[in-house]
């Protein structure tokens, strides 16, 4: 019984150290999305190039489009509108 308690304590310590040392995955918005065929908007946005997106879409009755998150983010980074009021 005493060995079982030590084993449980070691397992809990190992699990806690593993969880404490892990970091969440970085979110990244890829520039191209597969849309259509049951995919919602913006779709499956996991493609770095248009060619990569088209290759994945081939034969699936879907199409590739620019990721709206990326497109609108680029627009927001432009010059601010001087007439915009906060």
PDB file of N, CA and C in Angstrom:
ATOM      1  N   UNK A   1       0.822  -1.190   0.000  1.00  0.00           N
ATOM      2  CA  UNK A   1       0.000   0.000   0.000  1.00  0.00           C
ATOM      3  C   UNK A   1       0.869   1.258   0.000  1.00  0.00           C
ATOM      4  N   UNK A   2       1.944   1.189   0.785  1.00  0.00           N
ATOM      5  CA  UNK A   2       2.826   2.345   0.858  1.00  0.00           C
ATOM      6  C   UNK A   2       3.509   2.604  -0.486  1.00  0.00           C
ATOM      7  N   UNK A   3       3.899   1.535  -1.185  1.00  0.00           N
ATOM      8  CA  UNK A   3       4.521   1.677  -2.503  1.00  0.00           C
ATOM      9  C   UNK A   3       3.533   2.245  -3.520  1.00  0.00           C
ATOM     10  N   UNK A   4       2.271   1.887  -3.399  1.00  0.00           N
ATOM     11  CA  UNK A   4       1.250   2.403  -4.311  1.00  0.00           C
ATOM     12  C   UNK A   4       1.074   3.909  -4.134  1.00  0.00           C
ATOM     13  N   UNK A   5       1.142   4.386  -2.890  1.00  0.00           N
ATOM     14  CA  UNK A   5       1.029   5.826  -2.642  1.00  0.00           C
ATOM     15  C   UNK A   5       2.211   6.580  -3.243  1.00  0.00           C
ATOM     16  N   UNK A   6       3.418   6.021  -3.077  1.00  0.00           N
ATOM     17  CA  UNK A   6       4.607   6.668  -3.662  1.00  0.00           C
ATOM     18  C   UNK A   6       4.532   6.679  -5.190  1.00  0.00           C
ATOM     19  N   UNK A   7       4.065   5.580  -5.766  1.00  0.00           N
ATOM     20  CA  UNK A   7       3.939   5.506  -7.220  1.00  0.00           C
ATOM     21  C   UNK A   7       2.930   6.538  -7.722  1.00  0.00           C
ATOM     22  N   UNK A   8       1.819   6.679  -7.002  1.00  0.00           N
ATOM     23  CA  UNK A   8       0.803   7.664  -7.379  1.00  0.00           C
ATOM     24  C   UNK A   8       1.359   9.080  -7.265  1.00  0.00           C
ATOM     25  N   UNK A   9       2.115   9.342  -6.206  1.00  0.00           N
ATOM     26  CA  UNK A   9       2.715  10.657  -6.016  1.00  0.00           C
ATOM     27  C   UNK A   9       3.707  10.983  -7.130  1.00  0.00           C
ATOM     28  N   UNK A  10       4.504  10.004  -7.524  1.00  0.00           N
ATOM     29  CA  UNK A  10       5.474  10.202  -8.609  1.00  0.00           C
ATOM     30  C   UNK A  10       4.745  10.468  -9.924  1.00  0.00           C
ATOM     31  N   UNK A  11       3.693   9.723 -10.200  1.00  0.00           N
ATOM     32  CA  UNK A  11       2.926   9.936 -11.434  1.00  0.00           C
ATOM     33  C   UNK A  11       2.270  11.314 -11.454  1.00  0.00           C
ATOM     34  N   UNK A  12       1.715  11.730 -10.345  1.00  0.00           N
ATOM     35  CA  UNK A  12       1.103  13.060 -10.282  1.00  0.00           C
ATOM     36  C   UNK A  12       2.144  14.158 -10.467  1.00  0.00           C
ATOM     37  N   UNK A  13       3.305  14.003  -9.867  1.00  0.00           N
ATOM     38  CA  UNK A  13       4.368  14.996 -10.017  1.00  0.00           C
ATOM     39  C   UNK A  13       4.856  15.056 -11.459  1.00  0.00           C
ATOM     40  N   UNK A  14       5.001  13.896 -12.097  1.00  0.00           N
ATOM     41  CA  UNK A  14       5.439  13.868 -13.493  1.00  0.00           C
ATOM     42  C   UNK A  14       4.394  14.519 -14.394  1.00  0.00           C
ATOM     43  N   UNK A  15       3.124  14.237 -14.153  1.00  0.00           N
ATOM     44  CA  UNK A  15       2.057  14.847 -14.949  1.00  0.00           C
ATOM     45  C   UNK A  15       1.988  16.348 -14.765  1.00  0.00           C
ATOM     46  N   UNK A  16       2.145  16.800 -13.525  1.00  0.00           N
ATOM     47  CA  UNK A  16       2.097  18.243 -13.252  1.00  0.00           C
ATOM     48  C   UNK A  16       3.268  18.961 -13.903  1.00  0.00           C
ATOM     49  N   UNK A  17       4.450  18.352 -13.869  1.00  0.00           N
ATOM     50  CA  UNK A  17       5.604  19.008 -14.493  1.00  0.00           C
ATOM     51  C   UNK A  17       5.466  19.040 -16.007  1.00  0.00           C
ATOM     52  N   UNK A  18       4.853  18.017 -16.586  1.00  0.00           N
ATOM     53  CA  UNK A  18       4.629  18.006 -18.034  1.00  0.00           C
ATOM     54  C   UNK A  18       3.646  19.094 -18.430  1.00  0.00           C
ATOM     55  N   UNK A  19       2.572  19.245 -17.676  1.00  0.00           N
ATOM     56  CA  UNK A  19       1.568  20.259 -17.995  1.00  0.00           C
ATOM     57  C   UNK A  19       2.093  21.663 -17.762  1.00  0.00           C
ATOM     58  N   UNK A  20       2.912  21.842 -16.744  1.00  0.00           N
ATOM     59  CA  UNK A  20       3.449  23.171 -16.441  1.00  0.00           C
ATOM     60  C   UNK A  20       4.454  23.614 -17.495  1.00  0.00           C
ATOM     61  N   UNK A  21       5.144  22.680 -18.121  1.00  0.00           N
ATOM     62  CA  UNK A  21       6.166  23.021 -19.103  1.00  0.00           C
ATOM     63  C   UNK A  21       5.646  23.180 -20.512  1.00  0.00           C
ATOM     64  N   UNK A  22       4.394  22.831 -20.762  1.00  0.00           N
ATOM     65  CA  UNK A  22       3.867  22.918 -22.121  1.00  0.00           C
ATOM     66  C   UNK A  22       3.279  24.301 -22.380  1.00  0.00           C
ATOM     67  N   UNK A  23       3.379  24.729 -23.618  1.00  0.00           N
ATOM     68  CA  UNK A  23       2.812  26.011 -24.023  1.00  0.00           C
ATOM     69  C   UNK A  23       1.750  25.755 -25.087  1.00  0.00           C
ATOM     70  N   UNK A  24       0.752  26.615 -25.192  1.00  0.00           N
ATOM     71  CA  UNK A  24      -0.272  26.414 -26.211  1.00  0.00           C
ATOM     72  C   UNK A  24       0.291  26.658 -27.609  1.00  0.00           C
ATOM     73  N   UNK A  25      -0.338  26.056 -28.581  1.00  0.00           N
ATOM     74  CA  UNK A  25       0.085  26.239 -29.966  1.00  0.00           C
ATOM     75  C   UNK A  25      -0.188  27.670 -30.401  1.00  0.00           C
ATOM     76  N   UNK A  26       0.683  28.201 -31.216  1.00  0.00           N
ATOM     77  CA  UNK A  26       0.510  29.559 -31.719  1.00  0.00           C
ATOM     78  C   UNK A  26      -0.553  29.557 -32.816  1.00  0.00           C
ATOM     79  N   UNK A  27      -1.477  30.463 -32.721  1.00  0.00           N
ATOM     80  CA  UNK A  27      -2.504  30.588 -33.748  1.00  0.00           C
ATOM     81  C   UNK A  27      -1.913  31.295 -34.956  1.00  0.00           C
ATOM     82  N   UNK A  28      -2.241  30.796 -36.136  1.00  0.00           N
ATOM     83  CA  UNK A  28      -1.729  31.403 -37.353  1.00  0.00           C
ATOM     84  C   UNK A  28      -2.829  31.365 -38.386  1.00  0.00           C
ATOM     85  N   UNK A  29      -3.093  32.481 -39.005  1.00  0.00           N
ATOM     86  CA  UNK A  29      -4.085  32.537 -40.073  1.00  0.00           C
ATOM     87  C   UNK A  29      -3.374  32.390 -41.407  1.00  0.00           C
ATOM     88  N   UNK A  30      -3.605  31.274 -42.068  1.00  0.00           N
ATOM     89  CA  UNK A  30      -3.009  31.043 -43.377  1.00  0.00           C
ATOM     90  C   UNK A  30      -3.784  31.847 -44.415  1.00  0.00           C
ATOM     91  N   UNK A  31      -3.133  32.253 -45.506  1.00  0.00           N
ATOM     92  CA  UNK A  31      -3.768  33.175 -46.446  1.00  0.00           C
ATOM     93  C   UNK A  31      -4.827  32.574 -47.371  1.00  0.00           C
ATOM     94  N   UNK A  32      -4.905  31.247 -47.504  1.00  0.00           N
ATOM     95  CA  UNK A  32      -5.870  30.663 -48.440  1.00  0.00           C
ATOM     96  C   UNK A  32      -6.751  29.636 -47.746  1.00  0.00           C
ATOM     97  N   UNK A  33      -8.027  29.621 -48.163  1.00  0.00           N
ATOM     98  CA  UNK A  33      -9.025  28.736 -47.555  1.00  0.00           C
ATOM     99  C   UNK A  33      -9.734  27.927 -48.632  1.00  0.00           C
ATOM    100  N   UNK A  34     -10.097  26.693 -48.283  1.00  0.00           N
ATOM    101  CA  UNK A  34     -10.998  25.901 -49.121  1.00  0.00           C
ATOM    102  C   UNK A  34     -12.410  26.241 -48.680  1.00  0.00           C
ATOM    103  N   UNK A  35     -13.260  26.561 -49.647  1.00  0.00           N
ATOM    104  CA  UNK A  35     -14.650  26.901 -49.345  1.00  0.00           C
ATOM    105  C   UNK A  35     -15.571  26.104 -50.248  1.00  0.00           C
ATOM    106  N   UNK A  36     -16.834  25.998 -49.819  1.00  0.00           N
ATOM    107  CA  UNK A  36     -17.828  25.261 -50.577  1.00  0.00           C
ATOM    108  C   UNK A  36     -17.899  23.820 -50.104  1.00  0.00           C
ATOM    109  N   UNK A  37     -18.875  23.082 -50.627  1.00  0.00           N
ATOM    110  CA  UNK A  37     -18.987  21.665 -50.312  1.00  0.00           C
ATOM    111  C   UNK A  37     -19.206  21.363 -48.840  1.00  0.00           C
ATOM    112  N   UNK A  38     -19.958  22.191 -48.152  1.00  0.00           N
ATOM    113  CA  UNK A  38     -20.233  21.945 -46.746  1.00  0.00           C
ATOM    114  C   UNK A  38     -19.322  22.684 -45.785  1.00  0.00           C
ATOM    115  N   UNK A  39     -18.239  23.265 -46.291  1.00  0.00           N
ATOM    116  CA  UNK A  39     -17.380  24.077 -45.424  1.00  0.00           C
ATOM    117  C   UNK A  39     -18.077  25.403 -45.209  1.00  0.00           C
ATOM    118  N   UNK A  40     -18.070  25.887 -44.019  1.00  0.00           N
ATOM    119  CA  UNK A  40     -18.662  27.192 -43.735  1.00  0.00           C
ATOM    120  C   UNK A  40     -17.720  28.297 -44.164  1.00  0.00           C
ATOM    121  N   UNK A  41     -18.003  29.482 -43.690  1.00  0.00           N
ATOM    122  CA  UNK A  41     -17.128  30.614 -43.979  1.00  0.00           C
ATOM    123  C   UNK A  41     -16.307  30.860 -42.740  1.00  0.00           C
ATOM    124  N   UNK A  42     -15.032  30.960 -42.769  1.00  0.00           N
ATOM    125  CA  UNK A  42     -14.172  31.098 -43.928  1.00  0.00           C
ATOM    126  C   UNK A  42     -13.773  29.782 -44.562  1.00  0.00           C
ATOM    127  N   UNK A  43     -14.084  28.637 -43.978  1.00  0.00           N
ATOM    128  CA  UNK A  43     -13.710  27.353 -44.564  1.00  0.00           C
ATOM    129  C   UNK A  43     -12.493  26.763 -43.882  1.00  0.00           C
ATOM    130  N   UNK A  44     -11.788  25.915 -44.615  1.00  0.00           N
ATOM    131  CA  UNK A  44     -10.573  25.274 -44.104  1.00  0.00           C
ATOM    132  C   UNK A  44      -9.379  26.130 -44.496  1.00  0.00           C
ATOM    133  N   UNK A  45      -8.948  26.973 -43.591  1.00  0.00           N
ATOM    134  CA  UNK A  45      -7.870  27.937 -43.876  1.00  0.00           C
ATOM    135  C   UNK A  45      -6.539  27.402 -43.375  1.00  0.00           C
ATOM    136  N   UNK A  46      -6.019  26.405 -44.052  1.00  0.00           N
ATOM    137  CA  UNK A  46      -4.756  25.810 -43.614  1.00  0.00           C
ATOM    138  C   UNK A  46      -3.760  25.684 -44.760  1.00  0.00           C
ATOM    139  N   UNK A  47      -3.782  26.647 -45.678  1.00  0.00           N
ATOM    140  CA  UNK A  47      -2.925  26.565 -46.861  1.00  0.00           C
ATOM    141  C   UNK A  47      -2.086  27.824 -47.002  1.00  0.00           C
ATOM    142  N   UNK A  48      -0.784  27.631 -47.190  1.00  0.00           N
ATOM    143  CA  UNK A  48       0.152  28.747 -47.288  1.00  0.00           C
ATOM    144  C   UNK A  48       0.220  29.351 -48.683  1.00  0.00           C
ATOM    145  N   UNK A  49      -0.110  28.583 -49.702  1.00  0.00           N
ATOM    146  CA  UNK A  49      -0.039  29.115 -51.063  1.00  0.00           C
ATOM    147  C   UNK A  49      -1.312  28.736 -51.820  1.00  0.00           C
ATOM    148  N   UNK A  50      -1.573  29.488 -52.886  1.00  0.00           N
ATOM    149  CA  UNK A  50      -2.745  29.210 -53.709  1.00  0.00           C
ATOM    150  C   UNK A  50      -2.598  27.852 -54.391  1.00  0.00           C
ATOM    151  N   UNK A  51      -1.378  27.529 -54.827  1.00  0.00           N
ATOM    152  CA  UNK A  51      -1.140  26.242 -55.483  1.00  0.00           C
ATOM    153  C   UNK A  51      -1.396  25.080 -54.522  1.00  0.00           C
ATOM    154  N   UNK A  52      -0.982  25.227 -53.285  1.00  0.00           N
ATOM    155  CA  UNK A  52      -1.213  24.191 -52.281  1.00  0.00           C
ATOM    156  C   UNK A  52      -2.715  24.024 -52.037  1.00  0.00           C
ATOM    157  N   UNK A  53      -3.437  25.123 -51.970  1.00  0.00           N
ATOM    158  CA  UNK A  53      -4.885  25.073 -51.771  1.00  0.00           C
ATOM    159  C   UNK A  53      -5.573  24.405 -52.963  1.00  0.00           C
ATOM    160  N   UNK A  54      -5.177  24.780 -54.170  1.00  0.00           N
ATOM    161  CA  UNK A  54      -5.782  24.202 -55.372  1.00  0.00           C
ATOM    162  C   UNK A  54      -5.498  22.705 -55.474  1.00  0.00           C
ATOM    163  N   UNK A  55      -4.308  22.287 -55.086  1.00  0.00           N
ATOM    164  CA  UNK A  55      -3.988  20.860 -55.114  1.00  0.00           C
ATOM    165  C   UNK A  55      -4.866  20.094 -54.131  1.00  0.00           C
ATOM    166  N   UNK A  56      -5.117  20.667 -52.971  1.00  0.00           N
ATOM    167  CA  UNK A  56      -5.970  20.014 -51.976  1.00  0.00           C
ATOM    168  C   UNK A  56      -7.438  20.029 -52.407  1.00  0.00           C
ATOM    169  N   UNK A  57      -7.844  21.039 -53.151  1.00  0.00           N
ATOM    170  CA  UNK A  57      -9.238  21.166 -53.577  1.00  0.00           C
ATOM    171  C   UNK A  57      -9.551  20.334 -54.815  1.00  0.00           C
ATOM    172  N   UNK A  58      -8.543  19.888 -55.513  1.00  0.00           N
ATOM    173  CA  UNK A  58      -8.728  19.175 -56.772  1.00  0.00           C
ATOM    174  C   UNK A  58      -9.598  17.932 -56.595  1.00  0.00           C
ATOM    175  N   UNK A  59     -10.679  17.865 -57.380  1.00  0.00           N
ATOM    176  CA  UNK A  59     -11.560  16.710 -57.373  1.00  0.00           C
ATOM    177  C   UNK A  59     -12.528  16.641 -56.207  1.00  0.00           C
ATOM    178  N   UNK A  60     -12.635  17.685 -55.422  1.00  0.00           N
ATOM    179  CA  UNK A  60     -13.503  17.657 -54.238  1.00  0.00           C
ATOM    180  C   UNK A  60     -14.712  18.577 -54.358  1.00  0.00           C
ATOM    181  N   UNK A  61     -14.920  19.207 -55.490  1.00  0.00           N
ATOM    182  CA  UNK A  61     -16.028  20.145 -55.715  1.00  0.00           C
ATOM    183  C   UNK A  61     -16.013  21.296 -54.717  1.00  0.00           C
ATOM    184  N   UNK A  62     -14.832  21.795 -54.454  1.00  0.00           N
ATOM    185  CA  UNK A  62     -14.639  22.960 -53.601  1.00  0.00           C
ATOM    186  C   UNK A  62     -13.720  23.919 -54.336  1.00  0.00           C
ATOM    187  N   UNK A  63     -13.598  25.128 -53.822  1.00  0.00           N
ATOM    188  CA  UNK A  63     -12.744  26.120 -54.460  1.00  0.00           C
ATOM    189  C   UNK A  63     -11.888  26.811 -53.411  1.00  0.00           C
ATOM    190  N   UNK A  64     -10.871  27.508 -53.874  1.00  0.00           N
ATOM    191  CA  UNK A  64      -9.961  28.228 -52.981  1.00  0.00           C
ATOM    192  C   UNK A  64     -10.257  29.714 -53.035  1.00  0.00           C
ATOM    193  N   UNK A  65     -10.140  30.350 -51.897  1.00  0.00           N
ATOM    194  CA  UNK A  65     -10.368  31.780 -51.810  1.00  0.00           C
ATOM    195  C   UNK A  65      -9.407  32.355 -50.780  1.00  0.00           C
ATOM    196  N   UNK A  66      -9.262  33.664 -50.792  1.00  0.00           N
ATOM    197  CA  UNK A  66      -8.405  34.324 -49.816  1.00  0.00           C
ATOM    198  C   UNK A  66      -9.081  34.269 -48.452  1.00  0.00           C
ATOM    199  N   UNK A  67      -8.306  34.022 -47.428  1.00  0.00           N
ATOM    200  CA  UNK A  67      -8.809  33.987 -46.057  1.00  0.00           C
ATOM    201  C   UNK A  67      -9.302  35.386 -45.691  1.00  0.00           C
ATOM    202  N   UNK A  68     -10.591  35.543 -45.349  1.00  0.00           N
ATOM    203  CA  UNK A  68     -11.106  36.878 -45.035  1.00  0.00           C
ATOM    204  C   UNK A  68     -10.429  37.509 -43.825  1.00  0.00           C
ATOM    205  N   UNK A  69     -10.002  36.708 -42.870  1.00  0.00           N
ATOM    206  CA  UNK A  69      -9.300  37.270 -41.710  1.00  0.00           C
ATOM    207  C   UNK A  69      -8.003  37.934 -42.133  1.00  0.00           C
ATOM    208  N   UNK A  70      -7.292  37.304 -43.046  1.00  0.00           N
ATOM    209  CA  UNK A  70      -6.027  37.862 -43.529  1.00  0.00           C
ATOM    210  C   UNK A  70      -6.296  39.081 -44.401  1.00  0.00           C
ATOM    211  N   UNK A  71      -7.296  38.993 -45.286  1.00  0.00           N
ATOM    212  CA  UNK A  71      -7.588  40.100 -46.199  1.00  0.00           C
ATOM    213  C   UNK A  71      -8.017  41.350 -45.440  1.00  0.00           C
ATOM    214  N   UNK A  72      -8.922  41.207 -44.470  1.00  0.00           N
ATOM    215  CA  UNK A  72      -9.395  42.379 -43.735  1.00  0.00           C
ATOM    216  C   UNK A  72      -8.348  42.900 -42.767  1.00  0.00           C
ATOM    217  N   UNK A  73      -7.472  42.033 -42.281  1.00  0.00           N
ATOM    218  CA  UNK A  73      -6.389  42.481 -41.411  1.00  0.00           C
ATOM    219  C   UNK A  73      -5.430  43.366 -42.196  1.00  0.00           C
ATOM    220  N   UNK A  74      -5.170  43.018 -43.443  1.00  0.00           N
ATOM    221  CA  UNK A  74      -4.297  43.839 -44.292  1.00  0.00           C
ATOM    222  C   UNK A  74      -4.919  45.206 -44.541  1.00  0.00           C
ATOM    223  N   UNK A  75      -6.241  45.249 -44.703  1.00  0.00           N
ATOM    224  CA  UNK A  75      -6.910  46.527 -44.927  1.00  0.00           C
ATOM    225  C   UNK A  75      -6.823  47.408 -43.688  1.00  0.00           C
ATOM    226  N   UNK A  76      -6.968  46.818 -42.509  1.00  0.00           N
ATOM    227  CA  UNK A  76      -6.926  47.603 -41.274  1.00  0.00           C
ATOM    228  C   UNK A  76      -5.544  48.176 -41.005  1.00  0.00           C
ATOM    229  N   UNK A  77      -4.503  47.542 -41.485  1.00  0.00           N
ATOM    230  CA  UNK A  77      -3.149  48.014 -41.216  1.00  0.00           C
ATOM    231  C   UNK A  77      -2.751  49.195 -42.094  1.00  0.00           C
ATOM    232  N   UNK A  78      -3.586  49.544 -43.060  1.00  0.00           N
ATOM    233  CA  UNK A  78      -3.289  50.675 -43.929  1.00  0.00           C
ATOM    234  C   UNK A  78      -3.406  51.991 -43.182  1.00  0.00           C
ATOM    235  N   UNK A  79      -3.352  53.093 -43.922  1.00  0.00           N
ATOM    236  CA  UNK A  79      -3.478  54.410 -43.289  1.00  0.00           C
ATOM    237  C   UNK A  79      -4.846  54.565 -42.667  1.00  0.00           C
ATOM    238  N   UNK A  80      -4.917  55.096 -41.469  1.00  0.00           N
ATOM    239  CA  UNK A  80      -6.229  55.293 -40.846  1.00  0.00           C
ATOM    240  C   UNK A  80      -7.028  56.372 -41.575  1.00  0.00           C
ATOM    241  N   UNK A  81      -8.318  56.212 -41.553  1.00  0.00           N
ATOM    242  CA  UNK A  81      -9.212  57.176 -42.178  1.00  0.00           C
ATOM    243  C   UNK A  81      -9.229  58.451 -41.336  1.00  0.00           C
ATOM    244  N   UNK A  82      -8.872  59.614 -41.915  1.00  0.00           N
ATOM    245  CA  UNK A  82      -8.839  60.844 -41.118  1.00  0.00           C
ATOM    246  C   UNK A  82     -10.225  61.297 -40.657  1.00  0.00           C
ATOM    247  N   UNK A  83     -11.295  60.850 -41.317  1.00  0.00           N
ATOM    248  CA  UNK A  83     -12.653  61.253 -40.952  1.00  0.00           C
ATOM    249  C   UNK A  83     -13.283  60.338 -39.906  1.00  0.00           C
ATOM    250  N   UNK A  84     -12.590  59.272 -39.537  1.00  0.00           N
ATOM    251  CA  UNK A  84     -13.143  58.325 -38.560  1.00  0.00           C
ATOM    252  C   UNK A  84     -13.128  58.940 -37.169  1.00  0.00           C
ATOM    253  N   UNK A  85     -14.273  58.867 -36.475  1.00  0.00           N
ATOM    254  CA  UNK A  85     -14.390  59.400 -35.118  1.00  0.00           C
ATOM    255  C   UNK A  85     -14.478  58.241 -34.140  1.00  0.00           C
ATOM    256  N   UNK A  86     -13.770  58.337 -33.043  1.00  0.00           N
ATOM    257  CA  UNK A  86     -13.794  57.291 -32.024  1.00  0.00           C
ATOM    258  C   UNK A  86     -15.022  57.392 -31.170  1.00  0.00           C
TER     259      UNK A  86
END
